[in-house]
C-alpha atoms as a PDB file:
ATOM      1  CA  MET A   1     -15.166  17.286  88.125  1.00  0.00           C
ATOM      2  CA  THR A   2     -18.094  16.776  85.782  1.00  0.00           C
ATOM      3  CA  ASP A   3     -18.233  17.971  82.179  1.00  0.00           C
ATOM      4  CA  PRO A   4     -20.413  21.003  81.422  1.00  0.00           C
ATOM      5  CA  PRO A   5     -23.771  20.330  79.777  1.00  0.00           C
ATOM      6  CA  PRO A   6     -23.780  20.230  75.928  1.00  0.00           C
ATOM      7  CA  GLU A   7     -25.841  23.439  75.644  1.00  0.00           C
ATOM      8  CA  ARG A   8     -23.153  25.304  77.504  1.00  0.00           C
ATOM      9  CA  ASP A   9     -20.445  23.916  75.179  1.00  0.00           C
ATOM     10  CA  GLU A  10     -22.390  25.069  72.122  1.00  0.00           C
ATOM     11  CA  ALA A  11     -22.914  28.515  73.630  1.00  0.00           C
ATOM     12  CA  LEU A  12     -19.182  28.827  74.358  1.00  0.00           C
ATOM     13  CA  LYS A  13     -18.290  27.761  70.819  1.00  0.00           C
ATOM     14  CA  ARG A  14     -20.683  30.315  69.329  1.00  0.00           C
ATOM     15  CA  LEU A  15     -19.240  33.006  71.609  1.00  0.00           C
ATOM     16  CA  ASP A  16     -15.692  32.132  70.521  1.00  0.00           C
ATOM     17  CA  GLU A  17     -16.720  32.325  66.861  1.00  0.00           C
ATOM     18  CA  ARG A  18     -18.319  35.730  67.371  1.00  0.00           C
ATOM     19  CA  ILE A  19     -15.235  37.040  69.188  1.00  0.00           C
ATOM     20  CA  ASP A  20     -12.965  35.781  66.386  1.00  0.00           C
ATOM     21  CA  ALA A  21     -15.198  37.409  63.760  1.00  0.00           C
ATOM     22  CA  MET A  22     -15.137  40.743  65.601  1.00  0.00           C
ATOM     23  CA  ALA A  23     -11.349  40.618  65.972  1.00  0.00           C
ATOM     24  CA  ALA A  24     -10.967  39.916  62.241  1.00  0.00           C
ATOM     25  CA  SER A  25     -13.256  42.812  61.289  1.00  0.00           C
ATOM     26  CA  ASN A  26     -11.356  45.204  63.576  1.00  0.00           C
ATOM     27  CA  VAL A  27      -8.071  44.249  61.927  1.00  0.00           C
ATOM     28  CA  ARG A  28      -9.549  45.016  58.499  1.00  0.00           C
ATOM     29  CA  LYS A  29     -10.842  48.404  59.672  1.00  0.00           C
ATOM     30  CA  ALA A  30      -7.485  49.573  61.055  1.00  0.00           C
ATOM     31  CA  ARG A  31      -5.868  52.278  58.916  1.00  0.00           C
ATOM     32  CA  HIS A  32      -2.237  53.086  58.584  1.00  0.00           C
ATOM     33  CA  VAL A  33      -1.506  56.617  59.798  1.00  0.00           C
ATOM     34  CA  GLU A  34       1.347  58.189  57.875  1.00  0.00           C
ATOM     35  CA  THR A  35       4.259  59.792  59.621  1.00  0.00           C
ATOM     36  CA  GLY A  36       5.466  63.216  58.548  1.00  0.00           C
ATOM     37  CA  ALA A  37       8.265  61.831  56.381  1.00  0.00           C
ATOM     38  CA  GLU A  38       5.957  59.341  54.652  1.00  0.00           C
ATOM     39  CA  ALA A  39       3.445  62.074  53.861  1.00  0.00           C
ATOM     40  CA  GLY A  40       6.207  64.358  52.569  1.00  0.00           C
ATOM     41  CA  TYR A  41       7.665  61.731  50.253  1.00  0.00           C
ATOM     42  CA  LYS A  42       4.177  60.931  48.996  1.00  0.00           C
ATOM     43  CA  VAL A  43       3.516  64.604  48.183  1.00  0.00           C
ATOM     44  CA  VAL A  44       6.855  64.976  46.371  1.00  0.00           C
ATOM     45  CA  GLY A  45       6.232  61.777  44.412  1.00  0.00           C
ATOM     46  CA  GLU A  46       2.744  62.876  43.383  1.00  0.00           C
ATOM     47  CA  LEU A  47       3.995  66.322  42.361  1.00  0.00           C
ATOM     48  CA  PHE A  48       6.919  65.148  40.240  1.00  0.00           C
ATOM     49  CA  GLY A  49       5.001  62.155  38.907  1.00  0.00           C
ATOM     50  CA  GLY A  50       2.188  64.348  37.631  1.00  0.00           C
ATOM     51  CA  ILE A  51       4.536  66.855  36.025  1.00  0.00           C
ATOM     52  CA  ILE A  52       6.737  64.214  34.374  1.00  0.00           C
ATOM     53  CA  GLY A  53       3.696  62.223  33.241  1.00  0.00           C
ATOM     54  CA  GLY A  54       2.147  65.350  31.720  1.00  0.00           C
ATOM     55  CA  LEU A  55       5.415  66.225  30.008  1.00  0.00           C
ATOM     56  CA  GLY A  56       5.629  62.731  28.554  1.00  0.00           C
ATOM     57  CA  LEU A  57       2.071  62.787  27.249  1.00  0.00           C
ATOM     58  CA  GLY A  58       2.502  66.293  25.814  1.00  0.00           C
ATOM     59  CA  TRP A  59       5.793  65.399  24.129  1.00  0.00           C
ATOM     60  CA  THR A  60       4.222  62.272  22.614  1.00  0.00           C
ATOM     61  CA  LEU A  61       1.309  64.305  21.291  1.00  0.00           C
ATOM     62  CA  ASP A  62       3.702  66.896  19.830  1.00  0.00           C
ATOM     63  CA  ARG A  63       5.859  64.213  18.255  1.00  0.00           C
ATOM     64  CA  PHE A  64       3.075  62.336  16.469  1.00  0.00           C
ATOM     65  CA  ALA A  65       0.494  65.078  15.861  1.00  0.00           C
ATOM     66  CA  GLY A  66       2.907  67.910  15.056  1.00  0.00           C
ATOM     67  CA  THR A  67       1.344  70.326  17.539  1.00  0.00           C
ATOM     68  CA  THR A  68       4.641  71.704  18.878  1.00  0.00           C
ATOM     69  CA  PRO A  69       4.736  73.339  21.567  1.00  0.00           C
ATOM     70  CA  TRP A  70       1.062  73.203  22.513  1.00  0.00           C
ATOM     71  CA  GLY A  71       0.978  69.522  23.426  1.00  0.00           C
ATOM     72  CA  LEU A  72       3.883  69.986  25.812  1.00  0.00           C
ATOM     73  CA  ILE A  73       2.324  73.081  27.394  1.00  0.00           C
ATOM     74  CA  GLY A  74      -1.057  71.367  27.743  1.00  0.00           C
ATOM     75  CA  GLY A  75       0.589  68.257  29.187  1.00  0.00           C
ATOM     76  CA  VAL A  76       2.375  70.283  31.863  1.00  0.00           C
ATOM     77  CA  VAL A  77      -0.841  72.092  32.794  1.00  0.00           C
ATOM     78  CA  ILE A  78      -2.812  68.835  32.983  1.00  0.00           C
ATOM     79  CA  GLY A  79      -0.009  67.154  34.963  1.00  0.00           C
ATOM     80  CA  MET A  80       0.179  70.022  37.467  1.00  0.00           C
ATOM     81  CA  THR A  81      -3.602  70.056  37.871  1.00  0.00           C
ATOM     82  CA  ALA A  82      -3.681  66.305  38.496  1.00  0.00           C
ATOM     83  CA  SER A  83      -0.788  66.592  40.976  1.00  0.00           C
ATOM     84  CA  ILE A  84      -2.453  69.352  42.958  1.00  0.00           C
ATOM     85  CA  LEU A  85      -5.742  67.422  43.046  1.00  0.00           C
ATOM     86  CA  LEU A  86      -3.967  64.314  44.362  1.00  0.00           C
ATOM     87  CA  ILE A  87      -2.091  66.305  46.999  1.00  0.00           C
ATOM     88  CA  VAL A  88      -5.281  67.997  48.225  1.00  0.00           C
ATOM     89  CA  ARG A  89      -7.072  64.629  48.460  1.00  0.00           C
ATOM     90  CA  SER A  90      -4.119  63.132  50.309  1.00  0.00           C
ATOM     91  CA  ALA A  91      -4.091  66.031  52.788  1.00  0.00           C
ATOM     92  CA  GLU A  92      -7.824  65.649  53.430  1.00  0.00           C
ATOM     93  CA  ARG A  93      -7.446  61.912  54.020  1.00  0.00           C
ATOM     94  CA  THR A  94      -4.528  62.485  56.409  1.00  0.00           C
ATOM     95  CA  LYS A  95      -6.541  65.077  58.330  1.00  0.00           C
ATOM     96  CA  GLU A  96      -9.447  62.620  58.752  1.00  0.00           C
ATOM     97  CA  THR A  97      -7.337  59.693  59.992  1.00  0.00           C
ATOM     98  CA  ARG A  98      -4.920  61.549  62.261  1.00  0.00           C
ATOM     99  CA  PRO A  99      -5.969  61.498  65.915  1.00  0.00           C
ATOM    100  CA  VAL A 100      -6.639  64.891  67.469  1.00  0.00           C
ATOM    101  CA  GLU A 101      -4.551  65.601  70.560  1.00  0.00           C
ATOM    102  CA  PRO A 102      -5.391  68.471  72.901  1.00  0.00           C
ATOM    103  CA  ARG A 103      -2.820  71.287  73.045  1.00  0.00           C
ATOM    104  CA  ASN A 104      -3.249  72.039  76.704  1.00  0.00           C
ATOM    105  CA  GLY A 105      -4.286  68.570  77.795  1.00  0.00           C
ATOM    106  CA  LEU A 106      -7.714  69.776  78.903  1.00  0.00           C
ATOM    107  CA  GLY A 107      -9.881  69.656  75.813  1.00  0.00           C
ATOM    108  CA  ASP A 108     -10.241  69.663  72.092  1.00  0.00           C
ATOM    109  CA  PRO A 109      -7.672  71.927  70.332  1.00  0.00           C
ATOM    110  CA  ARG A 110     -10.333  73.080  67.885  1.00  0.00           C
ATOM    111  CA  GLU A 111     -12.164  74.776  70.754  1.00  0.00           C
ATOM    112  CA  ASP A 112      -9.205  77.140  71.289  1.00  0.00           C
ATOM    113  CA  ASP A 113      -9.338  78.490  67.716  1.00  0.00           C
END
């Protein structure tokens, strides 16, 4: 059997390179979809982390500035606000990445609402 012409070899090499580049870009675009337990642990961690972080900052402010108890109260409020903001953002991101499955198997579940 004869070898293919050189133009054909070059075209095949370019095609292989393009296919490899597309496969690499698709791997980078893939997102991890959280399971229910992962999302729950993330929410709990963000909630307690924000509260404890706010308590720590408020206590430090009270200790060195002598603003007892206002630094602690302000720290808790700021920590709770930050926690709620993070949880809302996380819920929005989860809603965007989660695939929508029809309830009845016939169409989009949002059409039933």
